Protein backbone atom coordinates (compact mmCIF):
# COMPACT_ATOMS: atom_id res chain seq x y z
CA UNK A 1 -47.69 -51.11 18.67
CA UNK A 2 -45.81 -53.74 20.16
CA UNK A 3 -42.04 -53.95 20.42
CA UNK A 4 -40.68 -56.39 18.77
CA UNK A 5 -36.65 -57.77 18.32
CA UNK A 6 -34.82 -59.13 15.68
CA UNK A 7 -32.00 -61.49 16.44
CA UNK A 8 -28.31 -61.28 14.59
CA UNK A 9 -28.10 -64.53 14.66
CA UNK A 10 -25.46 -67.36 12.31
CA UNK A 11 -26.58 -70.31 10.59
CA UNK A 12 -26.10 -72.50 13.71
CA UNK A 13 -28.39 -70.98 15.70
CA UNK A 14 -31.31 -71.48 13.34
CA UNK A 15 -32.89 -74.36 15.35
CA UNK A 16 -33.75 -72.05 18.26
CA UNK A 17 -35.33 -69.28 16.61
CA UNK A 18 -37.33 -71.34 14.59
CA UNK A 19 -40.88 -69.08 13.67
CA UNK A 20 -38.83 -65.64 14.51
CA UNK A 21 -37.91 -62.39 12.54
CA UNK A 22 -33.94 -63.01 12.14
CA UNK A 23 -31.20 -61.27 11.34
CA UNK A 24 -28.11 -63.14 9.11
CA UNK A 25 -25.29 -61.62 7.37
CA UNK A 26 -23.39 -64.14 5.78
CA UNK A 27 -21.94 -64.89 2.22
CA UNK A 28 -24.14 -65.68 -0.99
CA UNK A 29 -22.19 -68.67 -2.43
CA UNK A 30 -25.66 -70.29 -4.64
CA UNK A 31 -28.52 -68.66 -5.81
CA UNK A 32 -31.59 -70.83 -7.18
CA UNK A 33 -34.25 -69.72 -8.84
CA UNK A 34 -36.04 -67.81 -5.82
CA UNK A 35 -33.54 -69.41 -3.38
CA UNK A 36 -29.85 -68.87 -2.31
CA UNK A 37 -27.16 -70.24 -0.87
CA UNK A 38 -25.04 -68.49 2.44
CA UNK A 39 -22.61 -69.19 3.95
CA UNK A 40 -23.44 -67.83 7.56
CA UNK A 41 -20.89 -69.56 10.15
CA UNK A 42 -22.63 -72.74 8.52
CA UNK A 43 -25.25 -72.64 5.50
CA UNK A 44 -28.30 -70.67 5.59
CA UNK A 45 -30.99 -71.28 2.47
CA UNK A 46 -32.71 -67.89 1.92
CA UNK A 47 -36.31 -67.80 0.32
CA UNK A 48 -35.77 -65.74 -2.04
CA UNK A 49 -39.56 -63.04 -2.93
CA UNK A 50 -39.26 -61.22 -6.26
CA UNK A 51 -37.64 -58.11 -4.59
CA UNK A 52 -34.10 -59.80 -4.03
CA UNK A 53 -31.69 -59.12 -6.15
CA UNK A 54 -28.38 -60.70 -4.64
CA UNK A 55 -25.70 -61.49 -6.49
CA UNK A 56 -22.69 -65.13 -5.99
CA UNK A 57 -19.61 -63.71 -4.06
CA UNK A 58 -21.07 -60.42 -2.63
CA UNK A 59 -22.21 -60.32 1.13
CA UNK A 60 -25.95 -60.07 2.29
CA UNK A 61 -27.52 -58.80 5.35
CA UNK A 62 -31.36 -60.64 5.17
CA UNK A 63 -34.26 -60.25 7.57
CA UNK A 64 -36.26 -62.45 7.00
CA UNK A 65 -38.51 -65.81 9.35
CA UNK A 66 -37.17 -69.08 10.23
CA UNK A 67 -39.26 -71.78 8.87
CA UNK A 68 -39.42 -74.96 10.75
CA UNK A 69 -37.09 -76.88 8.43
CA UNK A 70 -34.87 -74.19 9.38
CA UNK A 71 -34.71 -72.55 6.07
CA UNK A 72 -35.00 -69.04 6.13
CA UNK A 73 -38.39 -66.25 4.33
CA UNK A 74 -36.47 -63.71 3.18
CA UNK A 75 -38.79 -59.64 3.84
CA UNK A 76 -35.69 -57.89 3.00
CA UNK A 77 -32.19 -58.84 2.51
CA UNK A 78 -29.35 -56.71 1.12
CA UNK A 79 -26.77 -56.49 -0.94
CA UNK A 80 -23.52 -55.47 0.76
CA UNK A 81 -20.85 -56.46 -1.98
CA UNK A 82 -17.82 -57.74 -2.43
CA UNK A 83 -16.16 -56.00 1.03
CA UNK A 84 -16.86 -57.46 4.13
CA UNK A 85 -15.99 -58.64 7.07
CA UNK A 86 -17.36 -61.56 8.05
CA UNK A 87 -15.07 -61.92 10.61
CA UNK A 88 -16.87 -58.25 12.47
CA UNK A 89 -20.86 -59.56 11.54
CA UNK A 90 -19.60 -62.37 13.51
CA UNK A 91 -18.73 -61.20 16.49
CA UNK A 92 -21.46 -58.70 16.30
CA UNK A 93 -23.69 -62.01 16.25
CA UNK A 94 -21.64 -63.61 19.55
CA UNK A 95 -21.42 -60.26 21.83
CA UNK A 96 -25.70 -59.98 20.36
CA UNK A 97 -26.06 -63.66 21.59
CA UNK A 98 -24.27 -62.58 25.31
CA UNK A 99 -25.59 -60.00 25.88
CA UNK A 100 -28.71 -61.05 25.04
CA UNK A 101 -30.73 -58.55 27.47
CA UNK A 102 -29.51 -55.63 25.70
CA UNK A 103 -30.61 -56.35 22.56
CA UNK A 104 -34.11 -58.10 22.90
CA UNK A 105 -37.07 -57.05 23.96
CA UNK A 106 -40.42 -59.18 24.66
CA UNK A 107 -43.11 -59.33 23.56
CA UNK A 108 -44.32 -56.48 25.25
CA UNK A 109 -42.57 -53.89 23.67
CA UNK A 110 -40.94 -53.78 27.21
CA UNK A 111 -36.95 -54.42 26.81
CA UNK A 112 -35.56 -58.20 29.28
């Protein structure tokens, strides 16, 4: 099985990851049927699956694929509760983006 990276990103990076799987941590600001809006240093429209159970006002980690319209099709979501330090989460995003060689795998299964 080949190794594929799932980088941690925030909303302002979505356009650089269209068609790729990503991890996003943000605050659920609104739930609308089969979608949710997350604040992850900007707004993320998350298209939820039936197994997703999030609560407005709580933090959430989503793993999903970035669509061409910059929404995220959620494959897995985790409600993180109300006590999330979003500054730490954003710092992790910044560090993993700054040091991609340590965190990103290429499609051949080796590290970049």
